[in-house]
Amino acid sequence: MLRILNGHSRLPDAAEAFGAAMIPGPGERAYLADIFYGNVQEALARQTIETAILLGHVMAHEVGHLLLGRGHSEDTIMRRTWDKRVFELMSVSQLTFSRTEAAQLRSAVALRLTK
C-alpha cells in the first residue's frame, strides 16, 4: 500500500526524504510506504522534471523497499540520494532497477502470490 501524504517528512534523520517504507522485523511482510508530496513539490521547484515522472520514480523506489528491504544501491533507482544527474536520467527513462534487483523483485512478487 502506498499513501501519498500532502506534507513533508517528519523523520528526524530524513527530513528531505521523498518517501519511507515501513519495514517490519524479520519474517514479517512489508506492506506500507508513505510518499511525502510536500518534499516532492520542493524538488520539482528546483528541477526541470515532470511531476508524474518524479512521482512514479519515488513510488517505484518505495515499492522496491517493500519487496527488497532496506538496502540502497549506488547507481539504480534504489539509490539513497537523488541529485541533478539522477533527475536527468529519470527524464529520459534511464533510471531503472538493475538486472539483479529486477530478478529479486520478480521473485519477491512470485513468493507473495503463492502465500
PDB file of N, CA and C in Angstrom:
ATOM      1  N   MET A   1       0.844  -1.163   0.000  1.00  0.00           N
ATOM      2  CA  MET A   1       0.000   0.000   0.000  1.00  0.00           C
ATOM      3  C   MET A   1       0.899   1.239   0.000  1.00  0.00           C
ATOM      4  N   LEU A   2       0.601   2.153  -0.875  1.00  0.00           N
ATOM      5  CA  LEU A   2       1.300   3.438  -0.927  1.00  0.00           C
ATOM      6  C   LEU A   2       0.341   4.541  -0.515  1.00  0.00           C
ATOM      7  N   ARG A   3       0.783   5.347   0.435  1.00  0.00           N
ATOM      8  CA  ARG A   3      -0.010   6.524   0.821  1.00  0.00           C
ATOM      9  C   ARG A   3       0.752   7.761   0.361  1.00  0.00           C
ATOM     10  N   ILE A   4       0.065   8.633  -0.340  1.00  0.00           N
ATOM     11  CA  ILE A   4       0.676   9.903  -0.731  1.00  0.00           C
ATOM     12  C   ILE A   4       0.177  10.948   0.257  1.00  0.00           C
ATOM     13  N   LEU A   5       1.103  11.415   1.078  1.00  0.00           N
ATOM     14  CA  LEU A   5       0.776  12.389   2.119  1.00  0.00           C
ATOM     15  C   LEU A   5       1.079  13.783   1.610  1.00  0.00           C
ATOM     16  N   ASN A   6       0.238  14.726   1.920  1.00  0.00           N
ATOM     17  CA  ASN A   6       0.355  16.077   1.399  1.00  0.00           C
ATOM     18  C   ASN A   6       1.529  16.848   1.983  1.00  0.00           C
ATOM     19  N   GLY A   7       2.021  16.459   3.113  1.00  0.00           N
ATOM     20  CA  GLY A   7       3.051  17.233   3.797  1.00  0.00           C
ATOM     21  C   GLY A   7       4.469  16.787   3.507  1.00  0.00           C
ATOM     22  N   HIS A   8       5.323  17.079   4.494  1.00  0.00           N
ATOM     23  CA  HIS A   8       6.748  16.784   4.413  1.00  0.00           C
ATOM     24  C   HIS A   8       7.103  15.655   5.375  1.00  0.00           C
ATOM     25  N   SER A   9       8.262  15.095   5.145  1.00  0.00           N
ATOM     26  CA  SER A   9       8.767  14.053   6.028  1.00  0.00           C
ATOM     27  C   SER A   9       9.004  14.631   7.425  1.00  0.00           C
ATOM     28  N   ARG A  10       8.598  13.888   8.420  1.00  0.00           N
ATOM     29  CA  ARG A  10       8.870  14.274   9.809  1.00  0.00           C
ATOM     30  C   ARG A  10       9.911  13.359  10.426  1.00  0.00           C
ATOM     31  N   LEU A  11      10.546  12.558   9.588  1.00  0.00           N
ATOM     32  CA  LEU A  11      11.576  11.644  10.076  1.00  0.00           C
ATOM     33  C   LEU A  11      12.814  12.445  10.466  1.00  0.00           C
ATOM     34  N   PRO A  12      13.291  12.293  11.695  1.00  0.00           N
ATOM     35  CA  PRO A  12      14.401  13.126  12.156  1.00  0.00           C
ATOM     36  C   PRO A  12      15.671  12.977  11.318  1.00  0.00           C
ATOM     37  N   ASP A  13      15.921  11.806  10.794  1.00  0.00           N
ATOM     38  CA  ASP A  13      17.137  11.591  10.010  1.00  0.00           C
ATOM     39  C   ASP A  13      16.887  11.646   8.502  1.00  0.00           C
ATOM     40  N   ALA A  14      15.690  12.022   8.100  1.00  0.00           N
ATOM     41  CA  ALA A  14      15.361  12.057   6.674  1.00  0.00           C
ATOM     42  C   ALA A  14      14.342  13.145   6.370  1.00  0.00           C
ATOM     43  N   ALA A  15      14.638  14.347   6.801  1.00  0.00           N
ATOM     44  CA  ALA A  15      13.690  15.450   6.636  1.00  0.00           C
ATOM     45  C   ALA A  15      13.406  15.773   5.173  1.00  0.00           C
ATOM     46  N   GLU A  16      14.356  15.481   4.266  1.00  0.00           N
ATOM     47  CA  GLU A  16      14.161  15.780   2.851  1.00  0.00           C
ATOM     48  C   GLU A  16      13.768  14.558   2.036  1.00  0.00           C
ATOM     49  N   ALA A  17      13.465  13.451   2.705  1.00  0.00           N
ATOM     50  CA  ALA A  17      13.121  12.211   2.004  1.00  0.00           C
ATOM     51  C   ALA A  17      11.836  12.373   1.218  1.00  0.00           C
ATOM     52  N   PHE A  18      11.792  11.746   0.047  1.00  0.00           N
ATOM     53  CA  PHE A  18      10.582  11.733  -0.764  1.00  0.00           C
ATOM     54  C   PHE A  18       9.600  10.687  -0.272  1.00  0.00           C
ATOM     55  N   GLY A  19      10.099   9.675   0.429  1.00  0.00           N
ATOM     56  CA  GLY A  19       9.228   8.609   0.893  1.00  0.00           C
ATOM     57  C   GLY A  19       9.891   7.772   1.957  1.00  0.00           C
ATOM     58  N   ALA A  20       9.108   6.872   2.532  1.00  0.00           N
ATOM     59  CA  ALA A  20       9.614   5.952   3.551  1.00  0.00           C
ATOM     60  C   ALA A  20       8.777   4.686   3.527  1.00  0.00           C
ATOM     61  N   ALA A  21       9.450   3.557   3.501  1.00  0.00           N
ATOM     62  CA  ALA A  21       8.771   2.266   3.575  1.00  0.00           C
ATOM     63  C   ALA A  21       8.842   1.778   5.012  1.00  0.00           C
ATOM     64  N   MET A  22       7.744   1.261   5.494  1.00  0.00           N
ATOM     65  CA  MET A  22       7.701   0.718   6.857  1.00  0.00           C
ATOM     66  C   MET A  22       8.144  -0.738   6.776  1.00  0.00           C
ATOM     67  N   ILE A  23       9.359  -1.002   7.207  1.00  0.00           N
ATOM     68  CA  ILE A  23       9.929  -2.339   7.110  1.00  0.00           C
ATOM     69  C   ILE A  23       9.846  -2.994   8.486  1.00  0.00           C
ATOM     70  N   PRO A  24       9.059  -4.062   8.624  1.00  0.00           N
ATOM     71  CA  PRO A  24       8.912  -4.736   9.922  1.00  0.00           C
ATOM     72  C   PRO A  24      10.115  -5.626  10.224  1.00  0.00           C
ATOM     73  N   GLY A  25      10.013  -6.350  11.306  1.00  0.00           N
ATOM     74  CA  GLY A  25      11.084  -7.246  11.717  1.00  0.00           C
ATOM     75  C   GLY A  25      11.214  -8.453  10.812  1.00  0.00           C
ATOM     76  N   PRO A  26      12.253  -9.264  11.064  1.00  0.00           N
ATOM     77  CA  PRO A  26      12.484 -10.456  10.245  1.00  0.00           C
ATOM     78  C   PRO A  26      11.266 -11.376  10.217  1.00  0.00           C
ATOM     79  N   GLY A  27      11.011 -11.927   9.033  1.00  0.00           N
ATOM     80  CA  GLY A  27       9.905 -12.865   8.881  1.00  0.00           C
ATOM     81  C   GLY A  27       8.547 -12.227   8.657  1.00  0.00           C
ATOM     82  N   GLU A  28       8.455 -10.915   8.772  1.00  0.00           N
ATOM     83  CA  GLU A  28       7.187 -10.219   8.554  1.00  0.00           C
ATOM     84  C   GLU A  28       7.225  -9.512   7.204  1.00  0.00           C
ATOM     85  N   ARG A  29       6.079  -9.396   6.560  1.00  0.00           N
ATOM     86  CA  ARG A  29       5.999  -8.744   5.259  1.00  0.00           C
ATOM     87  C   ARG A  29       5.822  -7.234   5.394  1.00  0.00           C
ATOM     88  N   ALA A  30       6.577  -6.513   4.594  1.00  0.00           N
ATOM     89  CA  ALA A  30       6.396  -5.065   4.488  1.00  0.00           C
ATOM     90  C   ALA A  30       5.228  -4.816   3.541  1.00  0.00           C
ATOM     91  N   TYR A  31       4.379  -3.874   3.888  1.00  0.00           N
ATOM     92  CA  TYR A  31       3.212  -3.617   3.036  1.00  0.00           C
ATOM     93  C   TYR A  31       2.837  -2.145   2.947  1.00  0.00           C
ATOM     94  N   LEU A  32       3.507  -1.256   3.663  1.00  0.00           N
ATOM     95  CA  LEU A  32       3.096   0.146   3.693  1.00  0.00           C
ATOM     96  C   LEU A  32       4.280   1.070   3.448  1.00  0.00           C
ATOM     97  N   ALA A  33       4.081   2.010   2.528  1.00  0.00           N
ATOM     98  CA  ALA A  33       5.079   3.052   2.280  1.00  0.00           C
ATOM     99  C   ALA A  33       4.360   4.386   2.143  1.00  0.00           C
ATOM    100  N   ASP A  34       5.003   5.415   2.625  1.00  0.00           N
ATOM    101  CA  ASP A  34       4.467   6.773   2.523  1.00  0.00           C
ATOM    102  C   ASP A  34       5.291   7.575   1.527  1.00  0.00           C
ATOM    103  N   ILE A  35       4.619   8.403   0.746  1.00  0.00           N
ATOM    104  CA  ILE A  35       5.254   9.358  -0.153  1.00  0.00           C
ATOM    105  C   ILE A  35       4.960  10.742   0.427  1.00  0.00           C
ATOM    106  N   PHE A  36       5.993  11.554   0.572  1.00  0.00           N
ATOM    107  CA  PHE A  36       5.841  12.898   1.144  1.00  0.00           C
ATOM    108  C   PHE A  36       5.762  13.910   0.002  1.00  0.00           C
ATOM    109  N   TYR A  37       4.540  14.220  -0.398  1.00  0.00           N
ATOM    110  CA  TYR A  37       4.322  15.044  -1.580  1.00  0.00           C
ATOM    111  C   TYR A  37       4.869  16.463  -1.399  1.00  0.00           C
ATOM    112  N   GLY A  38       4.895  16.965  -0.195  1.00  0.00           N
ATOM    113  CA  GLY A  38       5.496  18.285   0.045  1.00  0.00           C
ATOM    114  C   GLY A  38       6.964  18.299  -0.339  1.00  0.00           C
ATOM    115  N   ASN A  39       7.694  17.242  -0.004  1.00  0.00           N
ATOM    116  CA  ASN A  39       9.103  17.145  -0.381  1.00  0.00           C
ATOM    117  C   ASN A  39       9.257  16.983  -1.892  1.00  0.00           C
ATOM    118  N   VAL A  40       8.358  16.220  -2.512  1.00  0.00           N
ATOM    119  CA  VAL A  40       8.378  16.052  -3.963  1.00  0.00           C
ATOM    120  C   VAL A  40       8.160  17.410  -4.637  1.00  0.00           C
ATOM    121  N   GLN A  41       7.207  18.180  -4.151  1.00  0.00           N
ATOM    122  CA  GLN A  41       6.924  19.505  -4.731  1.00  0.00           C
ATOM    123  C   GLN A  41       8.133  20.432  -4.613  1.00  0.00           C
ATOM    124  N   GLU A  42       8.841  20.364  -3.498  1.00  0.00           N
ATOM    125  CA  GLU A  42      10.032  21.211  -3.337  1.00  0.00           C
ATOM    126  C   GLU A  42      11.101  20.842  -4.358  1.00  0.00           C
ATOM    127  N   ALA A  43      11.269  19.556  -4.607  1.00  0.00           N
ATOM    128  CA  ALA A  43      12.238  19.122  -5.613  1.00  0.00           C
ATOM    129  C   ALA A  43      11.808  19.577  -6.998  1.00  0.00           C
ATOM    130  N   LEU A  44      10.508  19.510  -7.271  1.00  0.00           N
ATOM    131  CA  LEU A  44      10.003  19.943  -8.577  1.00  0.00           C
ATOM    132  C   LEU A  44      10.270  21.424  -8.817  1.00  0.00           C
ATOM    133  N   ALA A  45      10.268  22.212  -7.752  1.00  0.00           N
ATOM    134  CA  ALA A  45      10.520  23.646  -7.890  1.00  0.00           C
ATOM    135  C   ALA A  45      11.988  23.921  -8.248  1.00  0.00           C
ATOM    136  N   ARG A  46      12.879  22.979  -7.906  1.00  0.00           N
ATOM    137  CA  ARG A  46      14.316  23.168  -8.158  1.00  0.00           C
ATOM    138  C   ARG A  46      14.810  22.430  -9.405  1.00  0.00           C
ATOM    139  N   GLN A  47      14.023  21.511  -9.936  1.00  0.00           N
ATOM    140  CA  GLN A  47      14.450  20.672 -11.052  1.00  0.00           C
ATOM    141  C   GLN A  47      13.513  20.853 -12.239  1.00  0.00           C
ATOM    142  N   THR A  48      14.008  20.517 -13.400  1.00  0.00           N
ATOM    143  CA  THR A  48      13.154  20.544 -14.586  1.00  0.00           C
ATOM    144  C   THR A  48      12.768  19.110 -14.922  1.00  0.00           C
ATOM    145  N   ILE A  49      11.761  18.621 -14.226  1.00  0.00           N
ATOM    146  CA  ILE A  49      11.262  17.265 -14.429  1.00  0.00           C
ATOM    147  C   ILE A  49       9.754  17.301 -14.233  1.00  0.00           C
ATOM    148  N   GLU A  50       9.055  16.478 -14.971  1.00  0.00           N
ATOM    149  CA  GLU A  50       7.599  16.447 -14.845  1.00  0.00           C
ATOM    150  C   GLU A  50       7.194  15.777 -13.541  1.00  0.00           C
ATOM    151  N   THR A  51       6.108  16.255 -12.971  1.00  0.00           N
ATOM    152  CA  THR A  51       5.598  15.710 -11.715  1.00  0.00           C
ATOM    153  C   THR A  51       5.396  14.204 -11.800  1.00  0.00           C
ATOM    154  N   ALA A  52       4.733  13.742 -12.853  1.00  0.00           N
ATOM    155  CA  ALA A  52       4.419  12.317 -12.981  1.00  0.00           C
ATOM    156  C   ALA A  52       5.679  11.461 -13.045  1.00  0.00           C
ATOM    157  N   ILE A  53       6.715  11.962 -13.692  1.00  0.00           N
ATOM    158  CA  ILE A  53       7.961  11.197 -13.801  1.00  0.00           C
ATOM    159  C   ILE A  53       8.622  11.064 -12.431  1.00  0.00           C
ATOM    160  N   LEU A  54       8.742  12.170 -11.706  1.00  0.00           N
ATOM    161  CA  LEU A  54       9.358  12.106 -10.381  1.00  0.00           C
ATOM    162  C   LEU A  54       8.519  11.262  -9.437  1.00  0.00           C
ATOM    163  N   LEU A  55       7.233  11.493  -9.419  1.00  0.00           N
ATOM    164  CA  LEU A  55       6.357  10.745  -8.508  1.00  0.00           C
ATOM    165  C   LEU A  55       6.397   9.246  -8.830  1.00  0.00           C
ATOM    166  N   GLY A  56       6.412   8.900 -10.093  1.00  0.00           N
ATOM    167  CA  GLY A  56       6.497   7.498 -10.493  1.00  0.00           C
ATOM    168  C   GLY A  56       7.788   6.847 -10.013  1.00  0.00           C
ATOM    169  N   HIS A  57       8.905   7.553 -10.104  1.00  0.00           N
ATOM    170  CA  HIS A  57      10.183   7.020  -9.639  1.00  0.00           C
ATOM    171  C   HIS A  57      10.207   6.875  -8.120  1.00  0.00           C
ATOM    172  N   VAL A  58       9.645   7.851  -7.430  1.00  0.00           N
ATOM    173  CA  VAL A  58       9.575   7.758  -5.968  1.00  0.00           C
ATOM    174  C   VAL A  58       8.741   6.550  -5.559  1.00  0.00           C
ATOM    175  N   MET A  59       7.611   6.368  -6.220  1.00  0.00           N
ATOM    176  CA  MET A  59       6.741   5.236  -5.900  1.00  0.00           C
ATOM    177  C   MET A  59       7.451   3.907  -6.189  1.00  0.00           C
ATOM    178  N   ALA A  60       8.123   3.815  -7.327  1.00  0.00           N
ATOM    179  CA  ALA A  60       8.849   2.588  -7.666  1.00  0.00           C
ATOM    180  C   ALA A  60       9.944   2.310  -6.641  1.00  0.00           C
ATOM    181  N   HIS A  61      10.643   3.347  -6.206  1.00  0.00           N
ATOM    182  CA  HIS A  61      11.696   3.197  -5.195  1.00  0.00           C
ATOM    183  C   HIS A  61      11.120   2.637  -3.892  1.00  0.00           C
ATOM    184  N   GLU A  62      10.006   3.186  -3.441  1.00  0.00           N
ATOM    185  CA  GLU A  62       9.413   2.736  -2.171  1.00  0.00           C
ATOM    186  C   GLU A  62       8.824   1.328  -2.288  1.00  0.00           C
ATOM    187  N   VAL A  63       8.202   1.010  -3.422  1.00  0.00           N
ATOM    188  CA  VAL A  63       7.736  -0.364  -3.627  1.00  0.00           C
ATOM    189  C   VAL A  63       8.947  -1.300  -3.656  1.00  0.00           C
ATOM    190  N   GLY A  64      10.046  -0.828  -4.230  1.00  0.00           N
ATOM    191  CA  GLY A  64      11.284  -1.607  -4.193  1.00  0.00           C
ATOM    192  C   GLY A  64      11.682  -1.954  -2.768  1.00  0.00           C
ATOM    193  N   HIS A  65      11.582  -0.987  -1.861  1.00  0.00           N
ATOM    194  CA  HIS A  65      11.898  -1.264  -0.450  1.00  0.00           C
ATOM    195  C   HIS A  65      10.931  -2.286   0.141  1.00  0.00           C
ATOM    196  N   LEU A  66       9.660  -2.171  -0.197  1.00  0.00           N
ATOM    197  CA  LEU A  66       8.686  -3.118   0.348  1.00  0.00           C
ATOM    198  C   LEU A  66       9.002  -4.550  -0.069  1.00  0.00           C
ATOM    199  N   LEU A  67       9.555  -4.717  -1.263  1.00  0.00           N
ATOM    200  CA  LEU A  67       9.844  -6.052  -1.771  1.00  0.00           C
ATOM    201  C   LEU A  67      11.285  -6.500  -1.561  1.00  0.00           C
ATOM    202  N   LEU A  68      12.219  -5.551  -1.532  1.00  0.00           N
ATOM    203  CA  LEU A  68      13.636  -5.886  -1.436  1.00  0.00           C
ATOM    204  C   LEU A  68      14.244  -5.641  -0.055  1.00  0.00           C
ATOM    205  N   GLY A  69      13.579  -4.818   0.750  1.00  0.00           N
ATOM    206  CA  GLY A  69      14.122  -4.489   2.066  1.00  0.00           C
ATOM    207  C   GLY A  69      14.733  -3.102   2.112  1.00  0.00           C
ATOM    208  N   ARG A  70      15.496  -2.850   3.151  1.00  0.00           N
ATOM    209  CA  ARG A  70      16.015  -1.504   3.436  1.00  0.00           C
ATOM    210  C   ARG A  70      17.150  -1.028   2.540  1.00  0.00           C
ATOM    211  N   GLY A  71      17.830  -1.912   1.870  1.00  0.00           N
ATOM    212  CA  GLY A  71      19.063  -1.573   1.167  1.00  0.00           C
ATOM    213  C   GLY A  71      18.928  -0.534   0.076  1.00  0.00           C
ATOM    214  N   HIS A  72      20.048   0.121  -0.186  1.00  0.00           N
ATOM    215  CA  HIS A  72      20.153   1.087  -1.271  1.00  0.00           C
ATOM    216  C   HIS A  72      21.293   0.665  -2.189  1.00  0.00           C
ATOM    217  N   SER A  73      21.292   1.198  -3.396  1.00  0.00           N
ATOM    218  CA  SER A  73      22.375   0.949  -4.350  1.00  0.00           C
ATOM    219  C   SER A  73      23.083   2.263  -4.627  1.00  0.00           C
ATOM    220  N   GLU A  74      24.093   2.183  -5.459  1.00  0.00           N
ATOM    221  CA  GLU A  74      24.814   3.407  -5.810  1.00  0.00           C
ATOM    222  C   GLU A  74      24.367   4.007  -7.130  1.00  0.00           C
ATOM    223  N   ASP A  75      23.797   3.166  -8.016  1.00  0.00           N
ATOM    224  CA  ASP A  75      23.557   3.678  -9.368  1.00  0.00           C
ATOM    225  C   ASP A  75      22.242   3.222 -10.005  1.00  0.00           C
ATOM    226  N   THR A  76      21.277   2.838  -9.198  1.00  0.00           N
ATOM    227  CA  THR A  76      19.979   2.424  -9.744  1.00  0.00           C
ATOM    228  C   THR A  76      18.875   3.272  -9.110  1.00  0.00           C
ATOM    229  N   ILE A  77      17.649   2.943  -9.429  1.00  0.00           N
ATOM    230  CA  ILE A  77      16.509   3.649  -8.833  1.00  0.00           C
ATOM    231  C   ILE A  77      16.499   3.479  -7.309  1.00  0.00           C
ATOM    232  N   MET A  78      17.218   2.492  -6.806  1.00  0.00           N
ATOM    233  CA  MET A  78      17.272   2.233  -5.366  1.00  0.00           C
ATOM    234  C   MET A  78      18.398   3.001  -4.672  1.00  0.00           C
ATOM    235  N   ARG A  79      18.939   4.007  -5.322  1.00  0.00           N
ATOM    236  CA  ARG A  79      19.997   4.816  -4.698  1.00  0.00           C
ATOM    237  C   ARG A  79      19.439   5.635  -3.540  1.00  0.00           C
ATOM    238  N   ARG A  80      20.296   5.960  -2.590  1.00  0.00           N
ATOM    239  CA  ARG A  80      19.884   6.678  -1.381  1.00  0.00           C
ATOM    240  C   ARG A  80      19.552   8.143  -1.671  1.00  0.00           C
ATOM    241  N   THR A  81      20.380   8.814  -2.442  1.00  0.00           N
ATOM    242  CA  THR A  81      20.165  10.238  -2.721  1.00  0.00           C
ATOM    243  C   THR A  81      20.020  10.466  -4.216  1.00  0.00           C
ATOM    244  N   TRP A  82      19.250  11.468  -4.556  1.00  0.00           N
ATOM    245  CA  TRP A  82      18.994  11.799  -5.952  1.00  0.00           C
ATOM    246  C   TRP A  82      19.461  13.229  -6.203  1.00  0.00           C
ATOM    247  N   ASP A  83      20.390  13.383  -7.121  1.00  0.00           N
ATOM    248  CA  ASP A  83      20.919  14.703  -7.451  1.00  0.00           C
ATOM    249  C   ASP A  83      20.483  15.098  -8.875  1.00  0.00           C
ATOM    250  N   LYS A  84      21.008  16.213  -9.348  1.00  0.00           N
ATOM    251  CA  LYS A  84      20.603  16.735 -10.667  1.00  0.00           C
ATOM    252  C   LYS A  84      20.815  15.698 -11.771  1.00  0.00           C
ATOM    253  N   ARG A  85      21.931  14.976 -11.729  1.00  0.00           N
ATOM    254  CA  ARG A  85      22.210  13.968 -12.744  1.00  0.00           C
ATOM    255  C   ARG A  85      21.149  12.862 -12.730  1.00  0.00           C
ATOM    256  N   VAL A  86      20.704  12.491 -11.544  1.00  0.00           N
ATOM    257  CA  VAL A  86      19.687  11.442 -11.406  1.00  0.00           C
ATOM    258  C   VAL A  86      18.354  11.925 -11.978  1.00  0.00           C
ATOM    259  N   PHE A  87      18.008  13.180 -11.728  1.00  0.00           N
ATOM    260  CA  PHE A  87      16.772  13.728 -12.299  1.00  0.00           C
ATOM    261  C   PHE A  87      16.840  13.735 -13.826  1.00  0.00           C
ATOM    262  N   GLU A  88      18.024  14.008 -14.370  1.00  0.00           N
ATOM    263  CA  GLU A  88      18.191  13.963 -15.823  1.00  0.00           C
ATOM    264  C   GLU A  88      17.993  12.545 -16.347  1.00  0.00           C
ATOM    265  N   LEU A  89      18.536  11.546 -15.635  1.00  0.00           N
ATOM    266  CA  LEU A  89      18.343  10.145 -16.033  1.00  0.00           C
ATOM    267  C   LEU A  89      16.858   9.773 -15.987  1.00  0.00           C
ATOM    268  N   MET A  90      16.154  10.243 -14.961  1.00  0.00           N
ATOM    269  CA  MET A  90      14.716   9.979 -14.869  1.00  0.00           C
ATOM    270  C   MET A  90      13.988  10.534 -16.082  1.00  0.00           C
ATOM    271  N   SER A  91      14.348  11.736 -16.468  1.00  0.00           N
ATOM    272  CA  SER A  91      13.651  12.423 -17.570  1.00  0.00           C
ATOM    273  C   SER A  91      13.759  11.684 -18.896  1.00  0.00           C
ATOM    274  N   VAL A  92      14.799  10.863 -19.049  1.00  0.00           N
ATOM    275  CA  VAL A  92      14.981  10.123 -20.304  1.00  0.00           C
ATOM    276  C   VAL A  92      14.821   8.613 -20.072  1.00  0.00           C
ATOM    277  N   SER A  93      14.112   8.260 -19.008  1.00  0.00           N
ATOM    278  CA  SER A  93      13.787   6.859 -18.696  1.00  0.00           C
ATOM    279  C   SER A  93      15.025   5.973 -18.555  1.00  0.00           C
ATOM    280  N   GLN A  94      16.068   6.519 -17.955  1.00  0.00           N
ATOM    281  CA  GLN A  94      17.311   5.760 -17.789  1.00  0.00           C
ATOM    282  C   GLN A  94      17.642   5.441 -16.334  1.00  0.00           C
ATOM    283  N   LEU A  95      16.749   5.750 -15.405  1.00  0.00           N
ATOM    284  CA  LEU A  95      16.962   5.374 -14.005  1.00  0.00           C
ATOM    285  C   LEU A  95      16.065   4.184 -13.726  1.00  0.00           C
ATOM    286  N   THR A  96      16.656   3.019 -13.636  1.00  0.00           N
ATOM    287  CA  THR A  96      15.888   1.782 -13.530  1.00  0.00           C
ATOM    288  C   THR A  96      16.444   0.915 -12.399  1.00  0.00           C
ATOM    289  N   PHE A  97      15.817  -0.224 -12.211  1.00  0.00           N
ATOM    290  CA  PHE A  97      16.359  -1.249 -11.332  1.00  0.00           C
ATOM    291  C   PHE A  97      17.466  -1.979 -12.088  1.00  0.00           C
ATOM    292  N   SER A  98      18.449  -2.496 -11.368  1.00  0.00           N
ATOM    293  CA  SER A  98      19.478  -3.319 -12.003  1.00  0.00           C
ATOM    294  C   SER A  98      18.861  -4.661 -12.396  1.00  0.00           C
ATOM    295  N   ARG A  99      19.562  -5.427 -13.187  1.00  0.00           N
ATOM    296  CA  ARG A  99      19.067  -6.761 -13.552  1.00  0.00           C
ATOM    297  C   ARG A  99      18.891  -7.620 -12.307  1.00  0.00           C
ATOM    298  N   THR A 100      19.829  -7.512 -11.378  1.00  0.00           N
ATOM    299  CA  THR A 100      19.740  -8.286 -10.135  1.00  0.00           C
ATOM    300  C   THR A 100      18.532  -7.860  -9.321  1.00  0.00           C
ATOM    301  N   GLU A 101      18.344  -6.537  -9.185  1.00  0.00           N
ATOM    302  CA  GLU A 101      17.177  -6.038  -8.444  1.00  0.00           C
ATOM    303  C   GLU A 101      15.878  -6.483  -9.115  1.00  0.00           C
ATOM    304  N   ALA A 102      15.838  -6.412 -10.446  1.00  0.00           N
ATOM    305  CA  ALA A 102      14.627  -6.817 -11.175  1.00  0.00           C
ATOM    306  C   ALA A 102      14.326  -8.294 -10.932  1.00  0.00           C
ATOM    307  N   ALA A 103      15.343  -9.123 -10.941  1.00  0.00           N
ATOM    308  CA  ALA A 103      15.136 -10.554 -10.684  1.00  0.00           C
ATOM    309  C   ALA A 103      14.655 -10.772  -9.248  1.00  0.00           C
ATOM    310  N   GLN A 104      15.229 -10.040  -8.307  1.00  0.00           N
ATOM    311  CA  GLN A 104      14.800 -10.152  -6.905  1.00  0.00           C
ATOM    312  C   GLN A 104      13.365  -9.674  -6.739  1.00  0.00           C
ATOM    313  N   LEU A 105      12.990  -8.626  -7.445  1.00  0.00           N
ATOM    314  CA  LEU A 105      11.610  -8.129  -7.393  1.00  0.00           C
ATOM    315  C   LEU A 105      10.638  -9.175  -7.926  1.00  0.00           C
ATOM    316  N   ARG A 106      10.974  -9.769  -9.056  1.00  0.00           N
ATOM    317  CA  ARG A 106      10.103 -10.809  -9.621  1.00  0.00           C
ATOM    318  C   ARG A 106       9.947 -11.972  -8.651  1.00  0.00           C
ATOM    319  N   SER A 107      11.038 -12.379  -8.026  1.00  0.00           N
ATOM    320  CA  SER A 107      10.984 -13.485  -7.054  1.00  0.00           C
ATOM    321  C   SER A 107      10.139 -13.111  -5.848  1.00  0.00           C
ATOM    322  N   ALA A 108      10.308 -11.878  -5.360  1.00  0.00           N
ATOM    323  CA  ALA A 108       9.536 -11.430  -4.188  1.00  0.00           C
ATOM    324  C   ALA A 108       8.044 -11.374  -4.499  1.00  0.00           C
ATOM    325  N   VAL A 109       7.699 -10.902  -5.690  1.00  0.00           N
ATOM    326  CA  VAL A 109       6.286 -10.861  -6.083  1.00  0.00           C
ATOM    327  C   VAL A 109       5.750 -12.275  -6.224  1.00  0.00           C
ATOM    328  N   ALA A 110       6.488 -13.158  -6.854  1.00  0.00           N
ATOM    329  CA  ALA A 110       6.042 -14.544  -7.027  1.00  0.00           C
ATOM    330  C   ALA A 110       5.830 -15.209  -5.668  1.00  0.00           C
ATOM    331  N   LEU A 111       6.726 -14.966  -4.742  1.00  0.00           N
ATOM    332  CA  LEU A 111       6.597 -15.547  -3.407  1.00  0.00           C
ATOM    333  C   LEU A 111       5.335 -15.045  -2.722  1.00  0.00           C
ATOM    334  N   ARG A 112       5.050 -13.762  -2.849  1.00  0.00           N
ATOM    335  CA  ARG A 112       3.843 -13.206  -2.227  1.00  0.00           C
ATOM    336  C   ARG A 112       2.567 -13.749  -2.865  1.00  0.00           C
ATOM    337  N   LEU A 113       2.626 -14.079  -4.135  1.00  0.00           N
ATOM    338  CA  LEU A 113       1.453 -14.620  -4.820  1.00  0.00           C
ATOM    339  C   LEU A 113       1.153 -16.056  -4.406  1.00  0.00           C
ATOM    340  N   THR A 114       2.165 -16.759  -3.905  1.00  0.00           N
ATOM    341  CA  THR A 114       1.962 -18.156  -3.510  1.00  0.00           C
ATOM    342  C   THR A 114       1.558 -18.309  -2.055  1.00  0.00           C
ATOM    343  N   LYS A 115       1.723 -17.264  -1.272  1.00  0.00           N
ATOM    344  CA  LYS A 115       1.392 -17.367   0.166  1.00  0.00           C
ATOM    345  C   LYS A 115       0.153 -16.571   0.500  1.00  0.00           C
TER     346      LYS A 115
END
